[in-house]
Protein backbone atom coordinates (compact mmCIF):
# COMPACT_ATOMS: atom_id res chain seq x y z
CA MET A 1 114.29 88.91 113.28
CA SER A 2 112.07 86.63 111.19
CA ASN A 3 109.59 87.66 108.62
CA GLU A 4 106.75 86.12 110.60
CA LYS A 5 107.50 88.67 113.77
CA LEU A 6 108.04 91.67 110.92
CA TYR A 7 104.49 90.97 109.83
CA ASP A 8 103.08 91.39 112.90
CA VAL A 9 104.53 94.93 113.91
CA ILE A 10 102.02 96.48 111.70
CA LYS A 11 98.94 96.37 112.96
CA LYS A 12 96.93 98.68 110.72
CA PRO A 13 97.24 101.75 108.67
CA LEU A 14 95.90 104.92 110.57
CA ILE A 15 93.22 107.06 108.22
CA THR A 16 92.82 110.42 109.68
CA GLU A 17 92.52 113.75 107.70
CA LYS A 18 95.93 114.28 109.03
CA SER A 19 97.76 111.08 108.17
CA VAL A 20 95.97 111.32 104.27
CA ALA A 21 97.14 114.69 103.86
CA ALA A 22 100.60 113.65 104.90
CA THR A 23 100.52 111.23 101.86
CA GLU A 24 101.48 114.07 99.64
CA ASN A 25 105.02 114.34 101.34
CA ALA A 26 105.49 110.58 101.22
CA GLN A 27 104.50 109.74 105.33
CA TYR A 28 102.31 107.33 106.27
CA THR A 29 101.08 106.53 109.85
CA PHE A 30 100.65 103.14 111.44
CA GLU A 31 99.33 101.61 114.59
CA VAL A 32 102.27 99.53 115.44
CA LYS A 33 102.94 97.22 118.25
CA LYS A 34 104.04 99.03 121.56
CA ASP A 35 107.57 97.21 121.93
CA ALA A 36 108.45 97.79 118.44
CA THR A 37 111.66 99.61 117.37
CA LYS A 38 112.60 102.30 114.59
CA ILE A 39 114.55 99.67 113.09
CA GLU A 40 111.97 96.60 112.97
CA ILE A 41 109.13 98.99 111.93
CA ALA A 42 111.31 99.88 108.86
CA GLN A 43 111.82 96.40 108.06
CA ALA A 44 108.56 95.60 108.64
CA VAL A 45 106.88 98.41 105.86
CA GLU A 46 109.98 97.15 103.36
CA LEU A 47 108.74 93.81 103.70
CA ALA A 48 104.70 94.72 103.80
CA PHE A 49 105.18 97.17 100.75
CA PRO A 50 108.02 95.72 98.30
CA GLY A 51 109.93 98.40 96.30
CA ARG A 52 109.95 101.26 99.03
CA LYS A 53 112.45 102.24 100.71
CA VAL A 54 112.16 103.74 104.13
CA LYS A 55 114.17 107.32 104.77
CA LYS A 56 112.57 107.92 108.37
CA VAL A 57 110.61 106.77 111.46
CA ARG A 58 109.35 108.59 113.65
CA THR A 59 106.93 107.11 116.78
CA VAL A 60 104.52 108.75 118.99
CA TYR A 61 102.94 106.59 122.30
CA MET A 62 99.52 107.24 122.30
CA PRO A 63 98.37 107.17 126.13
CA SER A 64 94.77 105.88 127.19
CA HIS A 65 91.69 108.43 128.11
CA ALA A 66 89.08 108.41 130.03
CA LYS A 67 85.70 107.07 127.97
CA ARG A 68 82.11 107.13 129.45
CA MET A 69 79.12 104.74 127.99
CA GLY A 70 76.28 105.58 129.61
CA TYR A 71 76.66 105.61 133.27
CA LYS A 72 80.05 103.41 132.92
CA PHE A 73 83.25 104.93 133.05
CA GLY A 74 86.21 103.16 131.71
CA ARG A 75 89.79 103.81 129.72
CA THR A 76 90.70 103.66 125.78
CA ASP A 77 93.61 101.17 125.40
CA SER A 78 97.21 102.82 125.19
CA SER A 79 98.79 102.79 121.88
CA LYS A 80 101.75 103.67 119.77
CA LYS A 81 101.85 104.75 115.90
CA ALA A 82 104.65 105.61 113.82
CA ILE A 83 104.70 108.03 111.01
CA VAL A 84 107.36 106.37 108.05
CA THR A 85 108.83 108.28 105.32
CA ILE A 86 109.49 106.53 102.22
CA GLU A 87 111.02 106.80 98.85
CA GLY A 88 109.63 105.39 95.49
CA GLU A 89 106.30 104.65 94.43
CA PRO A 90 103.63 105.64 96.80
CA ILE A 91 101.41 103.43 98.75
CA GLU A 92 98.02 102.74 97.37
CA PHE A 93 95.58 102.53 100.36
CA MET A 94 91.62 101.23 99.37
CA GLY A 95 92.53 101.87 96.04
CA ALA A 96 92.74 105.71 96.36
């Protein structure tokens, strides 16, 4: 896959209490495209963060759920997240 397409695989990092606690074990959580495979995700992380080697990729499909805004009802978008275990130096998010 070309580098331009690999840069589009990772949408954003997910920063939650659970994902920040997992960084101690070199596990990082990213929101990724729904049709991305584990191999593409590993290549995209290694391309975006040079000097790191991906050890393992786990993916989770996050279904949409009902949401209410005032008297209107709707649904959130479904998404896919990847939990990536890396070897090497830790990844720094927001200067942490």
